[in-house]
């Protein structure tokens, strides 16, 4: 039942003229996760009657597959591109089996691969830094946080071997335009 979903519960309590933007997640139908998997963000707003009481919620689903595909395709050379939510869960990963693990029963997070990144999840903007991956390999990481339609934040991250010029890593800002 959709009335039990978080986006409905968040939307129904809003005052008139307000919109709730959901977290990025895989779309669900009445039978479970939609197949093929569809990364989705939702805008929900209450509909109020003449008495001022909410009687329904208008929900608009936005399919993020095209935007995430553009980000994925923008990886240059030997760099890797990731998109993570505020908890560090992968929304885009070079190994697509690691994407949306929080919806599929097995979380895969950037801090599991790059332990030093855990402090970045709560930090503001950065010029990037060199970090060790869990396997000991060193990478230069550049990232930019973006807030999606006034809702959740996601980070777009480029990682490349640390001997690369940071100018390459810092081209991350162009990917933000792909999401907006």
C-alpha atoms as a PDB file:
ATOM      1  CA  UNK A   1       0.000   0.000   0.000  1.00  0.00           C
ATOM      2  CA  UNK A   2       1.501   3.314  -1.075  1.00  0.00           C
ATOM      3  CA  UNK A   3       0.062   5.137   1.957  1.00  0.00           C
ATOM      4  CA  UNK A   4       2.683   3.309   4.025  1.00  0.00           C
ATOM      5  CA  UNK A   5       5.581   4.645   1.959  1.00  0.00           C
ATOM      6  CA  UNK A   6       7.855   7.323   3.398  1.00  0.00           C
ATOM      7  CA  UNK A   7       7.260   9.755   0.525  1.00  0.00           C
ATOM      8  CA  UNK A   8       3.503   9.619   1.181  1.00  0.00           C
ATOM      9  CA  UNK A   9       3.873  10.067   4.932  1.00  0.00           C
ATOM     10  CA  UNK A  10       6.268  12.990   4.399  1.00  0.00           C
ATOM     11  CA  UNK A  11       3.997  14.590   1.785  1.00  0.00           C
ATOM     12  CA  UNK A  12       0.650  14.324   3.581  1.00  0.00           C
ATOM     13  CA  UNK A  13       1.812  16.363   6.593  1.00  0.00           C
ATOM     14  CA  UNK A  14       3.144  19.300   4.571  1.00  0.00           C
ATOM     15  CA  UNK A  15       1.328  22.624   4.591  1.00  0.00           C
ATOM     16  CA  UNK A  16      -0.177  23.911   1.326  1.00  0.00           C
ATOM     17  CA  UNK A  17       2.302  24.901  -1.404  1.00  0.00           C
ATOM     18  CA  UNK A  18       5.145  22.774  -0.035  1.00  0.00           C
ATOM     19  CA  UNK A  19       6.830  19.865  -1.791  1.00  0.00           C
ATOM     20  CA  UNK A  20       8.778  16.979  -0.277  1.00  0.00           C
ATOM     21  CA  UNK A  21      11.668  15.507  -2.289  1.00  0.00           C
ATOM     22  CA  UNK A  22      12.422  11.881  -1.436  1.00  0.00           C
ATOM     23  CA  UNK A  23      15.747  10.142  -1.138  1.00  0.00           C
ATOM     24  CA  UNK A  24      17.104   8.429  -4.246  1.00  0.00           C
ATOM     25  CA  UNK A  25      16.027   4.782  -4.237  1.00  0.00           C
ATOM     26  CA  UNK A  26      14.926   2.004  -6.540  1.00  0.00           C
ATOM     27  CA  UNK A  27      11.293   2.289  -7.584  1.00  0.00           C
ATOM     28  CA  UNK A  28       8.886  -0.136  -5.974  1.00  0.00           C
ATOM     29  CA  UNK A  29       5.531  -1.350  -7.231  1.00  0.00           C
ATOM     30  CA  UNK A  30       2.879  -3.357  -5.399  1.00  0.00           C
ATOM     31  CA  UNK A  31       4.896  -6.570  -5.861  1.00  0.00           C
ATOM     32  CA  UNK A  32       8.269  -5.195  -4.727  1.00  0.00           C
ATOM     33  CA  UNK A  33      11.180  -3.674  -6.616  1.00  0.00           C
ATOM     34  CA  UNK A  34      10.387  -2.709 -10.191  1.00  0.00           C
ATOM     35  CA  UNK A  35      12.289  -4.744 -12.798  1.00  0.00           C
ATOM     36  CA  UNK A  36      14.353  -3.568 -14.503  1.00  0.00           C
ATOM     37  CA  UNK A  37      15.561  -1.571 -11.519  1.00  0.00           C
ATOM     38  CA  UNK A  38      14.708   2.106 -11.850  1.00  0.00           C
ATOM     39  CA  UNK A  39      16.606   4.673  -9.722  1.00  0.00           C
ATOM     40  CA  UNK A  40      13.948   7.171  -8.712  1.00  0.00           C
ATOM     41  CA  UNK A  41      13.454  10.396  -6.813  1.00  0.00           C
ATOM     42  CA  UNK A  42       9.947  11.586  -5.969  1.00  0.00           C
ATOM     43  CA  UNK A  43       8.294  14.924  -5.468  1.00  0.00           C
ATOM     44  CA  UNK A  44       5.216  14.732  -3.267  1.00  0.00           C
ATOM     45  CA  UNK A  45       2.774  17.455  -2.265  1.00  0.00           C
ATOM     46  CA  UNK A  46      -0.463  17.319  -0.321  1.00  0.00           C
ATOM     47  CA  UNK A  47      -3.760  18.207  -1.958  1.00  0.00           C
ATOM     48  CA  UNK A  48      -5.986  20.201   0.398  1.00  0.00           C
ATOM     49  CA  UNK A  49      -9.756  20.528   0.332  1.00  0.00           C
ATOM     50  CA  UNK A  50     -11.716  23.728   0.881  1.00  0.00           C
ATOM     51  CA  UNK A  51     -11.688  22.891   4.598  1.00  0.00           C
ATOM     52  CA  UNK A  52      -7.863  23.101   4.591  1.00  0.00           C
ATOM     53  CA  UNK A  53      -7.376  19.405   5.332  1.00  0.00           C
ATOM     54  CA  UNK A  54      -5.160  17.223   3.170  1.00  0.00           C
ATOM     55  CA  UNK A  55      -7.192  14.552   1.374  1.00  0.00           C
ATOM     56  CA  UNK A  56      -4.549  13.131  -0.989  1.00  0.00           C
ATOM     57  CA  UNK A  57      -0.914  13.365  -2.018  1.00  0.00           C
ATOM     58  CA  UNK A  58       0.257  14.114  -5.535  1.00  0.00           C
ATOM     59  CA  UNK A  59       3.421  12.096  -6.228  1.00  0.00           C
ATOM     60  CA  UNK A  60       5.620  12.512  -9.290  1.00  0.00           C
ATOM     61  CA  UNK A  61       8.331   9.921  -9.917  1.00  0.00           C
ATOM     62  CA  UNK A  62      11.491  11.008 -11.721  1.00  0.00           C
ATOM     63  CA  UNK A  63      13.424   8.232 -13.457  1.00  0.00           C
ATOM     64  CA  UNK A  64      17.120   8.957 -12.815  1.00  0.00           C
ATOM     65  CA  UNK A  65      18.483   6.334 -15.231  1.00  0.00           C
ATOM     66  CA  UNK A  66      19.312   8.865 -17.993  1.00  0.00           C
ATOM     67  CA  UNK A  67      21.090  11.278 -15.616  1.00  0.00           C
ATOM     68  CA  UNK A  68      23.056   8.526 -13.877  1.00  0.00           C
ATOM     69  CA  UNK A  69      23.987   6.987 -17.245  1.00  0.00           C
ATOM     70  CA  UNK A  70      25.442  10.337 -18.369  1.00  0.00           C
ATOM     71  CA  UNK A  71      27.521  10.548 -15.193  1.00  0.00           C
ATOM     72  CA  UNK A  72      28.679   6.936 -15.582  1.00  0.00           C
ATOM     73  CA  UNK A  73      29.663   7.541 -19.225  1.00  0.00           C
ATOM     74  CA  UNK A  74      31.690  10.638 -18.351  1.00  0.00           C
ATOM     75  CA  UNK A  75      34.574   8.710 -16.773  1.00  0.00           C
ATOM     76  CA  UNK A  76      37.740   9.601 -18.643  1.00  0.00           C
ATOM     77  CA  UNK A  77      40.760   7.383 -19.177  1.00  0.00           C
ATOM     78  CA  UNK A  78      41.684   5.356 -16.119  1.00  0.00           C
ATOM     79  CA  UNK A  79      39.439   7.274 -13.748  1.00  0.00           C
ATOM     80  CA  UNK A  80      36.438   5.810 -11.953  1.00  0.00           C
ATOM     81  CA  UNK A  81      33.198   7.680 -11.308  1.00  0.00           C
ATOM     82  CA  UNK A  82      30.945   7.160  -8.304  1.00  0.00           C
ATOM     83  CA  UNK A  83      27.771   8.771  -7.005  1.00  0.00           C
ATOM     84  CA  UNK A  84      26.920   8.260  -3.333  1.00  0.00           C
ATOM     85  CA  UNK A  85      24.114   9.378  -1.063  1.00  0.00           C
ATOM     86  CA  UNK A  86      24.692  11.117   2.278  1.00  0.00           C
ATOM     87  CA  UNK A  87      25.224   7.765   4.009  1.00  0.00           C
ATOM     88  CA  UNK A  88      27.906   6.780   1.464  1.00  0.00           C
ATOM     89  CA  UNK A  89      25.746   4.179  -0.315  1.00  0.00           C
ATOM     90  CA  UNK A  90      26.694   3.741  -3.960  1.00  0.00           C
ATOM     91  CA  UNK A  91      24.171   5.003  -6.497  1.00  0.00           C
ATOM     92  CA  UNK A  92      26.747   4.755  -9.320  1.00  0.00           C
ATOM     93  CA  UNK A  93      29.781   2.458  -9.172  1.00  0.00           C
ATOM     94  CA  UNK A  94      32.010   0.958 -11.898  1.00  0.00           C
ATOM     95  CA  UNK A  95      30.782  -2.446 -10.647  1.00  0.00           C
ATOM     96  CA  UNK A  96      27.024  -1.998 -11.050  1.00  0.00           C
ATOM     97  CA  UNK A  97      26.336  -4.898  -8.651  1.00  0.00           C
ATOM     98  CA  UNK A  98      27.386  -2.514  -5.849  1.00  0.00           C
ATOM     99  CA  UNK A  99      24.708   0.059  -6.695  1.00  0.00           C
ATOM    100  CA  UNK A 100      21.624   0.494  -4.496  1.00  0.00           C
ATOM    101  CA  UNK A 101      22.706  -2.240  -2.102  1.00  0.00           C
ATOM    102  CA  UNK A 102      20.585  -0.619   0.625  1.00  0.00           C
ATOM    103  CA  UNK A 103      17.489  -1.523  -1.443  1.00  0.00           C
ATOM    104  CA  UNK A 104      18.787  -4.937  -2.499  1.00  0.00           C
ATOM    105  CA  UNK A 105      19.691  -6.299   0.938  1.00  0.00           C
ATOM    106  CA  UNK A 106      23.477  -5.806   0.993  1.00  0.00           C
ATOM    107  CA  UNK A 107      24.894  -2.333   1.524  1.00  0.00           C
ATOM    108  CA  UNK A 108      27.965  -1.240  -0.418  1.00  0.00           C
ATOM    109  CA  UNK A 109      29.369   2.114   0.686  1.00  0.00           C
ATOM    110  CA  UNK A 110      32.277   4.273  -0.326  1.00  0.00           C
ATOM    111  CA  UNK A 111      33.701   4.259   3.190  1.00  0.00           C
ATOM    112  CA  UNK A 112      33.994   0.474   2.885  1.00  0.00           C
ATOM    113  CA  UNK A 113      36.312   0.954  -0.100  1.00  0.00           C
ATOM    114  CA  UNK A 114      37.930   4.264   0.941  1.00  0.00           C
ATOM    115  CA  UNK A 115      37.870   4.308   4.777  1.00  0.00           C
ATOM    116  CA  UNK A 116      39.153   7.903   4.915  1.00  0.00           C
ATOM    117  CA  UNK A 117      36.051   9.080   3.051  1.00  0.00           C
ATOM    118  CA  UNK A 118      33.845   8.647   6.123  1.00  0.00           C
ATOM    119  CA  UNK A 119      34.805  12.137   7.368  1.00  0.00           C
ATOM    120  CA  UNK A 120      33.935  13.630   3.970  1.00  0.00           C
ATOM    121  CA  UNK A 121      30.320  12.471   4.269  1.00  0.00           C
ATOM    122  CA  UNK A 122      29.642  15.241   6.789  1.00  0.00           C
ATOM    123  CA  UNK A 123      32.169  17.782   5.507  1.00  0.00           C
ATOM    124  CA  UNK A 124      31.587  20.598   3.076  1.00  0.00           C
ATOM    125  CA  UNK A 125      33.334  21.314  -0.209  1.00  0.00           C
ATOM    126  CA  UNK A 126      36.885  20.158  -0.773  1.00  0.00           C
ATOM    127  CA  UNK A 127      39.583  20.425  -3.381  1.00  0.00           C
ATOM    128  CA  UNK A 128      40.056  16.667  -3.216  1.00  0.00           C
ATOM    129  CA  UNK A 129      42.718  14.539  -1.652  1.00  0.00           C
ATOM    130  CA  UNK A 130      44.741  11.370  -2.033  1.00  0.00           C
ATOM    131  CA  UNK A 131      43.317   8.375  -0.166  1.00  0.00           C
ATOM    132  CA  UNK A 132      44.154   4.713   0.140  1.00  0.00           C
ATOM    133  CA  UNK A 133      41.618   2.210  -1.034  1.00  0.00           C
ATOM    134  CA  UNK A 134      41.034  -0.744   1.287  1.00  0.00           C
ATOM    135  CA  UNK A 135      43.380  -2.858  -0.910  1.00  0.00           C
ATOM    136  CA  UNK A 136      46.203  -0.354  -0.273  1.00  0.00           C
ATOM    137  CA  UNK A 137      46.163   1.307  -3.707  1.00  0.00           C
ATOM    138  CA  UNK A 138      46.379   5.095  -3.557  1.00  0.00           C
ATOM    139  CA  UNK A 139      43.900   7.239  -5.476  1.00  0.00           C
ATOM    140  CA  UNK A 140      43.325  10.918  -5.987  1.00  0.00           C
ATOM    141  CA  UNK A 141      39.682  11.706  -5.256  1.00  0.00           C
ATOM    142  CA  UNK A 142      37.763  14.795  -6.259  1.00  0.00           C
ATOM    143  CA  UNK A 143      34.114  15.249  -5.359  1.00  0.00           C
ATOM    144  CA  UNK A 144      31.286  17.707  -5.352  1.00  0.00           C
ATOM    145  CA  UNK A 145      28.097  17.552  -3.316  1.00  0.00           C
ATOM    146  CA  UNK A 146      24.859  18.554  -5.033  1.00  0.00           C
ATOM    147  CA  UNK A 147      21.404  18.903  -3.544  1.00  0.00           C
ATOM    148  CA  UNK A 148      18.787  17.341  -5.812  1.00  0.00           C
ATOM    149  CA  UNK A 149      15.799  19.652  -6.330  1.00  0.00           C
ATOM    150  CA  UNK A 150      16.102  20.998  -2.789  1.00  0.00           C
ATOM    151  CA  UNK A 151      15.982  17.462  -1.374  1.00  0.00           C
ATOM    152  CA  UNK A 152      18.737  14.956  -0.615  1.00  0.00           C
ATOM    153  CA  UNK A 153      22.421  15.558  -1.238  1.00  0.00           C
ATOM    154  CA  UNK A 154      24.525  13.251  -3.363  1.00  0.00           C
ATOM    155  CA  UNK A 155      28.245  13.371  -4.055  1.00  0.00           C
ATOM    156  CA  UNK A 156      29.700  12.872  -7.514  1.00  0.00           C
ATOM    157  CA  UNK A 157      33.214  11.484  -7.129  1.00  0.00           C
ATOM    158  CA  UNK A 158      36.043  10.908  -9.555  1.00  0.00           C
ATOM    159  CA  UNK A 159      38.895   8.672  -8.454  1.00  0.00           C
ATOM    160  CA  UNK A 160      42.091   8.049 -10.351  1.00  0.00           C
ATOM    161  CA  UNK A 161      45.587   6.779  -9.686  1.00  0.00           C
ATOM    162  CA  UNK A 162      47.321   9.300  -7.402  1.00  0.00           C
ATOM    163  CA  UNK A 163      50.081   9.976  -9.933  1.00  0.00           C
ATOM    164  CA  UNK A 164      47.510  11.688 -12.164  1.00  0.00           C
ATOM    165  CA  UNK A 165      47.331  15.437 -12.215  1.00  0.00           C
ATOM    166  CA  UNK A 166      44.692  16.751  -9.831  1.00  0.00           C
ATOM    167  CA  UNK A 167      43.425  18.969 -12.647  1.00  0.00           C
ATOM    168  CA  UNK A 168      41.902  15.811 -14.121  1.00  0.00           C
ATOM    169  CA  UNK A 169      40.358  14.821 -10.814  1.00  0.00           C
ATOM    170  CA  UNK A 170      38.872  18.261 -10.266  1.00  0.00           C
ATOM    171  CA  UNK A 171      36.888  18.192 -13.518  1.00  0.00           C
ATOM    172  CA  UNK A 172      34.161  16.760 -11.319  1.00  0.00           C
ATOM    173  CA  UNK A 173      32.221  20.011 -11.538  1.00  0.00           C
ATOM    174  CA  UNK A 174      31.242  19.222 -15.125  1.00  0.00           C
ATOM    175  CA  UNK A 175      29.350  16.157 -13.894  1.00  0.00           C
ATOM    176  CA  UNK A 176      27.238  18.266 -11.605  1.00  0.00           C
ATOM    177  CA  UNK A 177      25.846  19.973 -14.695  1.00  0.00           C
ATOM    178  CA  UNK A 178      24.865  16.526 -16.006  1.00  0.00           C
ATOM    179  CA  UNK A 179      22.735  15.909 -12.901  1.00  0.00           C
ATOM    180  CA  UNK A 180      21.097  19.309 -12.840  1.00  0.00           C
END
